[in-house]
N, C-alpha and C. Protein backbone atom coordinates (compact mmCIF):
# COMPACT_ATOMS: atom_id res chain seq x y z
N MET A 1 0.86 -1.17 0.00
CA MET A 1 0.00 0.00 0.00
C MET A 1 0.90 1.24 0.00
N SER A 2 0.58 2.20 -0.82
CA SER A 2 1.36 3.43 -0.90
C SER A 2 1.09 4.31 0.32
N LEU A 3 1.99 5.24 0.56
CA LEU A 3 1.81 6.15 1.69
C LEU A 3 0.59 7.03 1.52
N VAL A 4 0.32 7.46 0.28
CA VAL A 4 -0.88 8.29 0.08
C VAL A 4 -2.13 7.45 0.34
N ALA A 5 -2.13 6.19 -0.08
CA ALA A 5 -3.28 5.32 0.16
C ALA A 5 -3.53 5.13 1.65
N GLU A 6 -2.45 4.86 2.37
CA GLU A 6 -2.57 4.67 3.81
C GLU A 6 -3.01 5.95 4.51
N THR A 7 -2.47 7.07 4.08
CA THR A 7 -2.83 8.36 4.68
C THR A 7 -4.31 8.65 4.50
N VAL A 8 -4.81 8.47 3.28
CA VAL A 8 -6.23 8.74 3.01
C VAL A 8 -7.11 7.81 3.83
N LYS A 9 -6.79 6.53 3.81
CA LYS A 9 -7.62 5.54 4.51
C LYS A 9 -7.63 5.78 6.03
N VAL A 10 -6.45 5.95 6.61
CA VAL A 10 -6.36 6.11 8.06
C VAL A 10 -6.98 7.44 8.51
N ARG A 11 -6.67 8.51 7.81
CA ARG A 11 -7.18 9.82 8.21
C ARG A 11 -8.70 9.90 8.05
N ARG A 12 -9.21 9.30 6.97
CA ARG A 12 -10.67 9.28 6.77
C ARG A 12 -11.35 8.56 7.94
N ALA A 13 -10.77 7.42 8.35
CA ALA A 13 -11.32 6.66 9.47
C ALA A 13 -11.23 7.46 10.77
N GLU A 14 -10.09 8.15 10.98
CA GLU A 14 -9.94 8.96 12.18
C GLU A 14 -11.00 10.06 12.28
N LEU A 15 -11.38 10.59 11.13
CA LEU A 15 -12.38 11.66 11.10
C LEU A 15 -13.81 11.12 11.11
N GLY A 16 -13.96 9.80 11.02
CA GLY A 16 -15.29 9.19 11.02
C GLY A 16 -16.07 9.41 9.74
N LEU A 17 -15.35 9.61 8.64
CA LEU A 17 -16.00 9.81 7.34
C LEU A 17 -16.10 8.50 6.58
N ASP A 18 -17.19 8.31 5.87
CA ASP A 18 -17.22 7.17 4.96
C ASP A 18 -16.68 7.65 3.60
N GLN A 19 -16.43 6.71 2.71
CA GLN A 19 -15.84 7.06 1.41
C GLN A 19 -16.73 8.01 0.63
N ALA A 20 -18.04 7.81 0.68
CA ALA A 20 -18.96 8.66 -0.08
C ALA A 20 -18.92 10.11 0.42
N THR A 21 -18.83 10.30 1.73
CA THR A 21 -18.78 11.64 2.29
C THR A 21 -17.48 12.34 1.90
N LEU A 22 -16.36 11.61 2.01
CA LEU A 22 -15.08 12.19 1.60
C LEU A 22 -15.12 12.53 0.11
N ALA A 23 -15.66 11.63 -0.69
CA ALA A 23 -15.75 11.87 -2.13
C ALA A 23 -16.53 13.14 -2.43
N ALA A 24 -17.63 13.34 -1.74
CA ALA A 24 -18.44 14.54 -1.96
C ALA A 24 -17.67 15.80 -1.58
N LYS A 25 -16.90 15.74 -0.50
CA LYS A 25 -16.12 16.91 -0.07
C LYS A 25 -15.04 17.26 -1.09
N VAL A 26 -14.49 16.23 -1.75
CA VAL A 26 -13.40 16.45 -2.70
C VAL A 26 -13.91 16.73 -4.11
N GLY A 27 -15.13 16.28 -4.41
CA GLY A 27 -15.69 16.47 -5.74
C GLY A 27 -15.38 15.34 -6.69
N VAL A 28 -15.29 14.12 -6.13
CA VAL A 28 -15.04 12.92 -6.95
C VAL A 28 -16.07 11.86 -6.56
N GLY A 29 -16.05 10.75 -7.25
CA GLY A 29 -16.95 9.66 -6.92
C GLY A 29 -16.40 8.78 -5.81
N GLN A 30 -17.27 8.02 -5.16
CA GLN A 30 -16.86 7.13 -4.08
C GLN A 30 -15.86 6.09 -4.57
N GLN A 31 -16.02 5.61 -5.81
CA GLN A 31 -15.08 4.62 -6.34
C GLN A 31 -13.68 5.20 -6.49
N THR A 32 -13.59 6.49 -6.76
CA THR A 32 -12.29 7.14 -6.86
C THR A 32 -11.59 7.11 -5.51
N VAL A 33 -12.30 7.42 -4.44
CA VAL A 33 -11.72 7.35 -3.10
C VAL A 33 -11.29 5.92 -2.80
N SER A 34 -12.11 4.97 -3.16
CA SER A 34 -11.76 3.56 -2.95
C SER A 34 -10.46 3.20 -3.67
N ARG A 35 -10.30 3.66 -4.90
CA ARG A 35 -9.07 3.38 -5.66
C ARG A 35 -7.86 4.06 -5.02
N TRP A 36 -8.06 5.28 -4.48
CA TRP A 36 -6.95 5.94 -3.79
C TRP A 36 -6.53 5.13 -2.57
N GLU A 37 -7.52 4.62 -1.82
CA GLU A 37 -7.22 3.91 -0.58
C GLU A 37 -6.59 2.54 -0.82
N THR A 38 -6.85 1.94 -1.94
CA THR A 38 -6.25 0.63 -2.23
C THR A 38 -4.93 0.78 -2.97
N GLY A 39 -4.63 1.98 -3.40
CA GLY A 39 -3.40 2.21 -4.16
C GLY A 39 -3.56 1.91 -5.64
N ALA A 40 -4.78 1.65 -6.08
CA ALA A 40 -5.03 1.38 -7.50
C ALA A 40 -4.93 2.65 -8.34
N ALA A 41 -5.05 3.80 -7.69
CA ALA A 41 -4.93 5.08 -8.39
C ALA A 41 -4.38 6.12 -7.42
N MET A 42 -3.79 7.15 -7.98
CA MET A 42 -3.29 8.27 -7.18
C MET A 42 -4.20 9.47 -7.43
N PRO A 43 -4.37 10.32 -6.43
CA PRO A 43 -5.18 11.52 -6.65
C PRO A 43 -4.55 12.38 -7.75
N ARG A 44 -5.39 12.93 -8.60
CA ARG A 44 -4.91 13.88 -9.60
C ARG A 44 -4.49 15.16 -8.88
N ARG A 45 -3.56 15.86 -9.51
CA ARG A 45 -3.05 17.10 -8.92
C ARG A 45 -4.19 18.05 -8.55
N GLU A 46 -5.20 18.16 -9.41
CA GLU A 46 -6.28 19.11 -9.15
C GLU A 46 -7.17 18.72 -7.96
N HIS A 47 -7.03 17.48 -7.45
CA HIS A 47 -7.83 17.05 -6.31
C HIS A 47 -7.06 17.08 -4.99
N VAL A 48 -5.76 17.24 -5.05
CA VAL A 48 -4.95 17.10 -3.84
C VAL A 48 -5.28 18.16 -2.79
N LEU A 49 -5.42 19.41 -3.18
CA LEU A 49 -5.71 20.46 -2.20
C LEU A 49 -7.05 20.23 -1.51
N ALA A 50 -8.08 19.90 -2.28
CA ALA A 50 -9.39 19.63 -1.68
C ALA A 50 -9.34 18.40 -0.78
N LEU A 51 -8.56 17.40 -1.18
CA LEU A 51 -8.41 16.20 -0.37
C LEU A 51 -7.69 16.52 0.94
N ALA A 52 -6.63 17.31 0.86
CA ALA A 52 -5.91 17.72 2.06
C ALA A 52 -6.82 18.51 3.00
N ASP A 53 -7.62 19.40 2.44
CA ASP A 53 -8.55 20.18 3.25
C ASP A 53 -9.58 19.27 3.93
N ALA A 54 -10.14 18.34 3.16
CA ALA A 54 -11.17 17.44 3.70
C ALA A 54 -10.61 16.53 4.79
N LEU A 55 -9.33 16.14 4.66
CA LEU A 55 -8.71 15.25 5.64
C LEU A 55 -7.97 16.01 6.74
N ASP A 56 -7.91 17.34 6.61
CA ASP A 56 -7.20 18.19 7.57
C ASP A 56 -5.75 17.72 7.75
N VAL A 57 -5.06 17.56 6.60
CA VAL A 57 -3.64 17.21 6.60
C VAL A 57 -2.89 18.28 5.82
N ASP A 58 -1.59 18.33 6.02
CA ASP A 58 -0.75 19.30 5.33
C ASP A 58 -0.80 19.06 3.82
N ALA A 59 -1.16 20.08 3.07
CA ALA A 59 -1.29 19.94 1.62
C ALA A 59 0.06 19.62 0.98
N GLY A 60 1.14 20.26 1.45
CA GLY A 60 2.46 19.99 0.88
C GLY A 60 2.84 18.54 1.01
N LEU A 61 2.57 17.96 2.17
CA LEU A 61 2.86 16.54 2.38
C LEU A 61 2.04 15.68 1.43
N LEU A 62 0.76 15.98 1.32
CA LEU A 62 -0.11 15.16 0.47
C LEU A 62 0.28 15.30 -1.00
N TYR A 63 0.66 16.49 -1.43
CA TYR A 63 1.15 16.64 -2.81
C TYR A 63 2.34 15.71 -3.04
N ARG A 64 3.29 15.71 -2.11
CA ARG A 64 4.49 14.88 -2.27
C ARG A 64 4.15 13.40 -2.26
N LEU A 65 3.28 12.98 -1.34
CA LEU A 65 2.90 11.57 -1.28
C LEU A 65 2.22 11.12 -2.57
N ALA A 66 1.51 12.05 -3.22
CA ALA A 66 0.83 11.72 -4.47
C ALA A 66 1.75 11.86 -5.69
N GLY A 67 2.99 12.30 -5.45
CA GLY A 67 3.96 12.38 -6.54
C GLY A 67 4.06 13.72 -7.22
N TYR A 68 3.62 14.77 -6.54
CA TYR A 68 3.67 16.11 -7.11
C TYR A 68 4.45 17.04 -6.18
N LEU A 69 5.01 18.08 -6.75
CA LEU A 69 5.54 19.15 -5.93
C LEU A 69 4.39 20.09 -5.60
N PRO A 70 4.41 20.67 -4.40
CA PRO A 70 3.38 21.67 -4.09
C PRO A 70 3.49 22.82 -5.09
N PRO A 71 2.37 23.47 -5.43
CA PRO A 71 2.38 24.52 -6.44
C PRO A 71 3.42 25.60 -6.21
N GLU A 72 3.65 25.99 -4.95
CA GLU A 72 4.61 27.05 -4.68
C GLU A 72 6.06 26.62 -4.92
N GLU A 73 6.29 25.31 -5.06
CA GLU A 73 7.64 24.81 -5.32
C GLU A 73 7.83 24.35 -6.77
N SER A 74 6.78 24.43 -7.55
CA SER A 74 6.84 23.94 -8.93
C SER A 74 7.59 24.92 -9.81
N SER A 75 8.34 24.38 -10.74
CA SER A 75 9.08 25.20 -11.69
C SER A 75 8.32 25.22 -13.02
N SER A 76 8.92 25.87 -13.98
CA SER A 76 8.30 25.90 -15.31
C SER A 76 8.29 24.51 -15.94
N LEU A 77 9.06 23.59 -15.39
CA LEU A 77 9.10 22.22 -15.91
C LEU A 77 8.13 21.28 -15.21
N ALA A 78 7.31 21.80 -14.32
CA ALA A 78 6.42 20.95 -13.54
C ALA A 78 5.50 20.11 -14.41
N SER A 79 4.97 20.68 -15.47
CA SER A 79 4.05 19.90 -16.30
C SER A 79 4.79 18.77 -17.02
N ALA A 80 6.03 19.03 -17.44
CA ALA A 80 6.83 17.96 -18.06
C ALA A 80 7.11 16.86 -17.05
N PHE A 81 7.47 17.23 -15.82
CA PHE A 81 7.73 16.26 -14.77
C PHE A 81 6.49 15.42 -14.50
N THR A 82 5.34 16.08 -14.37
CA THR A 82 4.09 15.38 -14.10
C THR A 82 3.76 14.41 -15.23
N THR A 83 3.98 14.82 -16.47
CA THR A 83 3.72 13.95 -17.61
C THR A 83 4.61 12.72 -17.56
N ILE A 84 5.91 12.93 -17.33
CA ILE A 84 6.83 11.80 -17.27
C ILE A 84 6.47 10.88 -16.10
N PHE A 85 6.22 11.46 -14.93
CA PHE A 85 5.86 10.68 -13.75
C PHE A 85 4.63 9.82 -14.03
N GLY A 86 3.64 10.39 -14.65
CA GLY A 86 2.41 9.65 -14.96
C GLY A 86 2.59 8.57 -16.01
N ARG A 87 3.63 8.70 -16.83
CA ARG A 87 3.84 7.73 -17.91
C ARG A 87 4.95 6.73 -17.61
N LEU A 88 5.49 6.73 -16.40
CA LEU A 88 6.54 5.79 -16.04
C LEU A 88 6.19 4.34 -16.36
N PRO A 89 4.95 3.90 -16.11
CA PRO A 89 4.63 2.50 -16.42
C PRO A 89 4.78 2.15 -17.91
N GLU A 90 4.77 3.15 -18.76
CA GLU A 90 4.90 2.90 -20.20
C GLU A 90 6.36 2.72 -20.64
N LEU A 91 7.31 3.11 -19.80
CA LEU A 91 8.71 3.02 -20.18
C LEU A 91 9.18 1.57 -20.16
N SER A 92 10.07 1.25 -21.09
CA SER A 92 10.69 -0.07 -21.06
C SER A 92 11.64 -0.12 -19.88
N ASP A 93 12.09 -1.31 -19.52
CA ASP A 93 13.05 -1.43 -18.43
C ASP A 93 14.31 -0.63 -18.73
N GLN A 94 14.77 -0.68 -19.96
CA GLN A 94 15.98 0.05 -20.34
C GLN A 94 15.78 1.56 -20.23
N GLU A 95 14.64 2.05 -20.70
CA GLU A 95 14.36 3.49 -20.60
C GLU A 95 14.29 3.93 -19.14
N LEU A 96 13.64 3.12 -18.31
CA LEU A 96 13.53 3.45 -16.90
C LEU A 96 14.90 3.47 -16.23
N LEU A 97 15.74 2.49 -16.52
CA LEU A 97 17.09 2.47 -15.96
C LEU A 97 17.91 3.67 -16.41
N LEU A 98 17.80 4.05 -17.67
CA LEU A 98 18.53 5.21 -18.16
C LEU A 98 18.06 6.49 -17.46
N LEU A 99 16.77 6.62 -17.27
CA LEU A 99 16.22 7.79 -16.58
C LEU A 99 16.71 7.84 -15.13
N LEU A 100 16.65 6.71 -14.46
CA LEU A 100 17.12 6.65 -13.07
C LEU A 100 18.61 6.95 -12.98
N ASP A 101 19.40 6.38 -13.87
CA ASP A 101 20.84 6.60 -13.86
C ASP A 101 21.15 8.08 -14.06
N ARG A 102 20.50 8.70 -15.02
CA ARG A 102 20.74 10.12 -15.29
C ARG A 102 20.30 11.00 -14.12
N ALA A 103 19.18 10.64 -13.50
CA ALA A 103 18.70 11.41 -12.35
C ALA A 103 19.68 11.29 -11.18
N TRP A 104 20.18 10.10 -10.89
CA TRP A 104 21.15 9.92 -9.81
C TRP A 104 22.45 10.65 -10.12
N GLU A 105 22.86 10.59 -11.38
CA GLU A 105 24.08 11.30 -11.78
C GLU A 105 23.94 12.80 -11.51
N GLU A 106 22.80 13.36 -11.86
CA GLU A 106 22.56 14.79 -11.63
C GLU A 106 22.50 15.10 -10.14
N HIS A 107 21.86 14.25 -9.37
CA HIS A 107 21.78 14.45 -7.93
C HIS A 107 23.18 14.43 -7.31
N ARG A 108 24.01 13.47 -7.69
CA ARG A 108 25.38 13.39 -7.17
C ARG A 108 26.17 14.65 -7.55
N ARG A 109 26.03 15.12 -8.79
CA ARG A 109 26.73 16.31 -9.25
C ARG A 109 26.34 17.52 -8.41
N ARG A 110 25.05 17.70 -8.19
CA ARG A 110 24.56 18.87 -7.44
C ARG A 110 25.06 18.88 -6.00
N HIS A 111 25.24 17.70 -5.43
CA HIS A 111 25.60 17.61 -4.02
C HIS A 111 27.06 17.22 -3.80
N GLY A 112 27.85 17.25 -4.87
CA GLY A 112 29.27 16.97 -4.75
C GLY A 112 29.59 15.55 -4.32
N LEU A 113 28.75 14.62 -4.69
CA LEU A 113 28.96 13.22 -4.33
C LEU A 113 29.60 12.47 -5.47
N ARG A 114 30.44 11.52 -5.13
CA ARG A 114 31.07 10.72 -6.18
C ARG A 114 30.27 9.45 -6.39
N ALA A 115 30.30 8.97 -7.62
CA ALA A 115 29.63 7.72 -7.96
C ALA A 115 30.30 6.58 -7.20
N PRO A 116 29.55 5.57 -6.80
CA PRO A 116 30.15 4.42 -6.12
C PRO A 116 31.15 3.72 -7.04
N VAL A 117 32.18 3.17 -6.44
CA VAL A 117 33.23 2.49 -7.18
C VAL A 117 33.07 1.00 -7.00
N ASP A 118 33.08 0.24 -8.10
CA ASP A 118 33.01 -1.22 -8.01
C ASP A 118 34.34 -1.76 -7.52
N ASP A 119 34.28 -2.73 -6.64
CA ASP A 119 35.52 -3.36 -6.13
C ASP A 119 35.99 -4.46 -7.06
């Protein structure tokens, strides 16, 4: 179960809300809430703020758990990032490995870290 799924399910229960009530507060169907809670789907960016409000949780945290940067931290590349993130399941294993390798390489460069050395 994903962290966003667990957060939605546990917090909804803590507040004594059923799925239909939460769905109405967020503006989605009850089945959508069910899919979020099982991890079958992630909340769309446009639903995260309403979901955070309905669950009385930090919106920034919920954005991150759902795989988005909070709007105030988004750059001009946010839509490209969101598109790539949403299409990860479509990548071949090789494409995914190349993307991960390049991302780690950039992270190491930014933080002055050296790549691990094989023994």
